[in-house]
Amino acid sequence: MTGIIDYCAGNIRSVERALQFLKTEYVISKNPKDLEKADRLIFPGVGEAGFAMAQLKKTGFDLFIKEQTAAGKALLGICLGAQIIFEHSEESDTACLGLLPGKIRRFPSYFAAKNLKIPHMGWNNLQYQNGGSGLFSGVPENTDVYFVHSYYIEPSDTDIITAVTDYGFPVPCAVKKGNIEALQFHPEKSGLPGLRMLAHFTGAEGAALC
């Protein structure tokens, strides 16, 4: 069973619809105790890092996520959830969960001179790094996925980067270390390729994804 963390700062409904399509068992809860028996966790997120971290602390999900991942439970961060698993975000100068070493940076101001809009919004392709990830099995390199973000991941260890996308420079957009994996893009909004990734994560391998 997959647990979806609801801390009032996530794109919960689109993730739920994706898992319904995959016909995989899941539970959504605002209470960490309800998710203790889940086999794996999805940690979605949209909005602002400072608000998200305040919500995590308010609900107790900050400690819950740390405890569950330390115990070896698989975690998939999505969008803002992929960012705040790192140590610090420049957005509101926010101390984050620190599950992985690294920082979250704002796209540089010189982008305006290059006609690169912030936020980075829309479809962009994946270029696999360091052998990619099992999540990408059956998803060809250079497949387009859907992005919406103004800040980007800067891991301390570049060996954990499994994919980048080209937006002014090679922007890290997927990382994996042990049982923790994160996607800057929205798999639940990325059509069949994104659904395939979620199927791999949730174990819904029998879903009809033609």
Protein backbone atom coordinates (compact mmCIF):
# COMPACT_ATOMS: atom_id res chain seq x y z
CA MET A 1 0.00 0.00 0.00
CA THR A 2 1.13 3.52 -0.82
CA GLY A 3 0.71 6.35 1.68
CA ILE A 4 0.20 9.89 0.38
CA ILE A 5 1.32 12.60 2.81
CA ASP A 6 -1.28 15.35 3.10
CA TYR A 7 0.19 18.37 4.89
CA CYS A 8 -2.01 21.01 3.23
CA ALA A 9 0.76 21.98 0.82
CA GLY A 10 0.54 19.24 -1.78
CA ASN A 11 -0.92 18.48 -5.17
CA ILE A 12 -2.91 15.68 -3.54
CA ARG A 13 -5.84 15.31 -5.92
CA SER A 14 -3.80 14.92 -9.10
CA VAL A 15 -1.63 12.28 -7.41
CA GLU A 16 -4.76 10.52 -6.15
CA ARG A 17 -6.29 10.48 -9.63
CA ALA A 18 -3.09 9.00 -11.05
CA LEU A 19 -3.09 6.17 -8.49
CA GLN A 20 -6.79 5.56 -9.13
CA PHE A 21 -5.99 5.17 -12.82
CA LEU A 22 -3.27 2.68 -11.92
CA LYS A 23 -5.75 0.76 -9.73
CA THR A 24 -3.21 0.54 -6.94
CA GLU A 25 -4.02 0.57 -3.22
CA TYR A 26 -3.32 3.84 -1.41
CA VAL A 27 -4.30 5.90 1.62
CA ILE A 28 -4.21 9.69 2.06
CA SER A 29 -3.99 11.20 5.51
CA LYS A 30 -3.15 14.35 7.44
CA ASN A 31 -2.25 12.11 10.40
CA PRO A 32 1.19 10.45 10.39
CA LYS A 33 -0.11 7.48 12.40
CA ASP A 34 -2.46 6.54 9.56
CA LEU A 35 0.51 6.09 7.24
CA GLU A 36 2.78 4.09 9.54
CA LYS A 37 1.81 0.77 7.94
CA ALA A 38 2.15 1.99 4.36
CA ASP A 39 4.80 0.15 2.34
CA ARG A 40 5.98 3.34 0.68
CA LEU A 41 5.29 7.09 0.85
CA ILE A 42 4.60 9.76 -1.75
CA PHE A 43 5.53 13.26 -0.62
CA PRO A 44 3.94 15.78 -3.03
CA GLY A 45 4.11 19.53 -2.75
CA VAL A 46 3.31 22.84 -4.40
CA GLY A 47 3.78 26.40 -3.21
CA GLU A 48 6.33 28.00 -0.93
CA ALA A 49 9.08 26.23 1.03
CA GLY A 50 8.68 28.17 4.29
CA PHE A 51 4.94 27.51 4.46
CA ALA A 52 5.43 23.85 3.60
CA MET A 53 8.00 23.34 6.35
CA ALA A 54 5.73 25.09 8.86
CA GLN A 55 2.92 22.70 7.90
CA LEU A 56 5.18 19.68 8.24
CA LYS A 57 6.18 20.74 11.75
CA LYS A 58 2.60 21.54 12.69
CA THR A 59 1.35 18.12 11.62
CA GLY A 60 4.34 16.13 12.89
CA PHE A 61 5.16 14.93 9.40
CA ASP A 62 8.67 16.38 9.63
CA LEU A 63 9.71 13.85 12.29
CA PHE A 64 7.57 11.11 10.73
CA ILE A 65 9.30 11.40 7.34
CA LYS A 66 12.74 11.37 8.96
CA GLU A 67 11.89 8.33 11.10
CA GLN A 68 10.27 6.36 8.28
CA THR A 69 13.06 6.95 5.77
CA ALA A 70 15.71 6.18 8.40
CA ALA A 71 13.92 2.86 8.91
CA GLY A 72 14.26 2.14 5.18
CA LYS A 73 10.79 2.98 3.89
CA ALA A 74 10.74 4.15 0.26
CA LEU A 75 9.94 7.85 -0.24
CA LEU A 76 9.10 9.62 -3.50
CA GLY A 77 9.22 13.42 -3.36
CA ILE A 78 7.41 15.36 -6.08
CA CYS A 79 8.01 19.02 -7.03
CA LEU A 80 8.23 20.99 -3.75
CA GLY A 81 8.40 17.63 -1.98
CA ALA A 82 11.52 16.91 -4.04
CA GLN A 83 13.10 20.16 -2.88
CA ILE A 84 12.47 20.24 0.85
CA ILE A 85 14.02 16.82 1.40
CA PHE A 86 17.33 18.70 1.05
CA GLU A 87 19.00 20.84 3.72
CA HIS A 88 18.15 24.42 2.80
CA SER A 89 16.09 26.45 0.34
CA GLU A 90 16.79 29.99 -0.77
CA GLU A 91 13.03 30.45 -0.86
CA SER A 92 12.27 32.34 2.37
CA ASP A 93 15.72 31.25 3.64
CA THR A 94 14.16 27.98 4.81
CA ALA A 95 15.83 25.19 6.78
CA CYS A 96 14.43 21.99 5.27
CA LEU A 97 14.28 18.31 6.23
CA GLY A 98 17.91 17.51 5.51
CA LEU A 99 17.32 13.96 4.30
CA LEU A 100 19.83 14.58 1.52
CA PRO A 101 22.76 17.03 1.47
CA GLY A 102 22.30 19.99 -0.82
CA LYS A 103 20.52 23.28 -1.40
CA ILE A 104 17.62 24.64 -3.38
CA ARG A 105 18.51 27.64 -5.51
CA ARG A 106 16.39 30.22 -7.33
CA PHE A 107 16.86 30.35 -11.08
CA PRO A 108 19.37 33.16 -11.78
CA SER A 109 18.28 36.68 -12.66
CA TYR A 110 20.18 36.64 -15.96
CA PHE A 111 17.49 34.33 -17.34
CA ALA A 112 15.43 37.41 -18.30
CA ALA A 113 18.15 38.51 -20.72
CA LYS A 114 18.01 35.05 -22.32
CA ASN A 115 14.21 35.15 -22.61
CA LEU A 116 13.96 32.25 -20.17
CA LYS A 117 10.88 32.75 -18.04
CA ILE A 118 10.64 32.07 -14.32
CA PRO A 119 8.91 29.89 -13.30
CA HIS A 120 10.12 27.17 -15.62
CA MET A 121 6.68 26.02 -16.71
CA GLY A 122 5.57 23.47 -19.29
CA TRP A 123 7.02 20.46 -21.04
CA ASN A 124 10.71 19.72 -21.15
CA ASN A 125 12.72 16.60 -21.81
CA LEU A 126 14.67 14.25 -19.55
CA GLN A 127 18.34 13.48 -20.05
CA TYR A 128 19.41 10.57 -17.89
CA GLN A 129 22.47 10.76 -15.65
CA ASN A 130 24.48 8.23 -13.65
CA GLY A 131 22.58 5.31 -15.09
CA GLY A 132 19.12 6.83 -14.60
CA SER A 133 16.61 5.15 -12.31
CA GLY A 134 14.36 2.12 -12.24
CA LEU A 135 11.47 4.58 -12.30
CA PHE A 136 12.42 5.40 -15.90
CA SER A 137 12.20 1.80 -17.12
CA GLY A 138 10.20 1.85 -20.37
CA VAL A 139 10.46 5.66 -20.58
CA PRO A 140 12.85 6.61 -23.41
CA GLU A 141 15.47 9.25 -22.79
CA ASN A 142 14.41 12.72 -24.04
CA THR A 143 10.77 12.03 -23.12
CA ASP A 144 8.94 15.26 -22.25
CA VAL A 145 7.52 15.70 -18.75
CA TYR A 146 5.67 18.59 -17.09
CA PHE A 147 7.44 21.19 -14.92
CA VAL A 148 6.33 24.13 -12.78
CA HIS A 149 9.09 25.58 -10.55
CA SER A 150 11.08 28.72 -9.81
CA TYR A 151 13.76 26.99 -7.72
CA TYR A 152 15.97 24.05 -8.58
CA ILE A 153 17.79 21.23 -6.81
CA GLU A 154 21.54 21.54 -6.23
CA PRO A 155 22.69 18.30 -4.57
CA SER A 156 26.05 18.28 -2.80
CA ASP A 157 26.71 14.88 -4.36
CA THR A 158 26.14 14.97 -8.12
CA ASP A 159 26.30 11.16 -8.25
CA ILE A 160 22.72 11.01 -6.92
CA ILE A 161 21.34 12.90 -9.96
CA THR A 162 19.40 10.49 -12.19
CA ALA A 163 18.10 13.02 -14.73
CA VAL A 164 18.55 16.62 -15.82
CA THR A 165 16.58 18.89 -18.11
CA ASP A 166 17.95 21.71 -20.25
CA TYR A 167 16.72 25.11 -19.08
CA GLY A 168 19.56 27.59 -19.44
CA PHE A 169 21.88 24.91 -18.04
CA PRO A 170 21.50 21.20 -17.17
CA VAL A 171 18.99 21.46 -14.32
CA PRO A 172 18.91 18.46 -11.96
CA CYS A 173 15.33 17.20 -12.00
CA ALA A 174 15.53 13.68 -10.54
CA VAL A 175 17.64 12.25 -7.74
CA LYS A 176 17.97 8.93 -5.95
CA LYS A 177 19.89 7.83 -2.89
CA GLY A 178 19.01 4.54 -1.27
CA ASN A 179 15.31 4.43 -0.44
CA ILE A 180 14.80 8.14 -1.18
CA GLU A 181 13.89 9.30 -4.67
CA ALA A 182 12.65 12.66 -5.88
CA LEU A 183 11.30 14.21 -9.08
CA GLN A 184 11.22 17.96 -9.67
CA PHE A 185 8.65 17.50 -12.42
CA HIS A 186 5.07 16.28 -11.97
CA PRO A 187 4.78 12.62 -13.03
CA GLU A 188 1.06 12.69 -12.28
CA LYS A 189 0.65 15.46 -14.90
CA SER A 190 3.06 14.00 -17.46
CA GLY A 191 0.77 11.62 -19.30
CA LEU A 192 1.61 7.95 -19.78
CA PRO A 193 5.37 8.33 -19.15
CA GLY A 194 4.66 9.83 -15.73
CA LEU A 195 2.07 7.18 -14.96
CA ARG A 196 4.63 4.54 -15.85
CA MET A 197 7.04 6.04 -13.30
CA LEU A 198 4.34 6.01 -10.61
CA ALA A 199 3.47 2.43 -11.54
CA HIS A 200 7.08 1.41 -10.98
CA PHE A 201 7.18 3.16 -7.62
CA THR A 202 3.87 1.80 -6.33
CA GLY A 203 4.30 -1.71 -7.71
CA ALA A 204 1.33 -1.33 -10.06
CA GLU A 205 3.23 -3.08 -12.83
CA GLY A 206 0.10 -4.71 -14.20
CA ALA A 207 -1.55 -1.40 -15.12
CA ALA A 208 -2.52 -1.04 -18.78
CA LEU A 209 -0.13 1.67 -20.00
CA CYS A 210 -0.17 1.45 -23.77
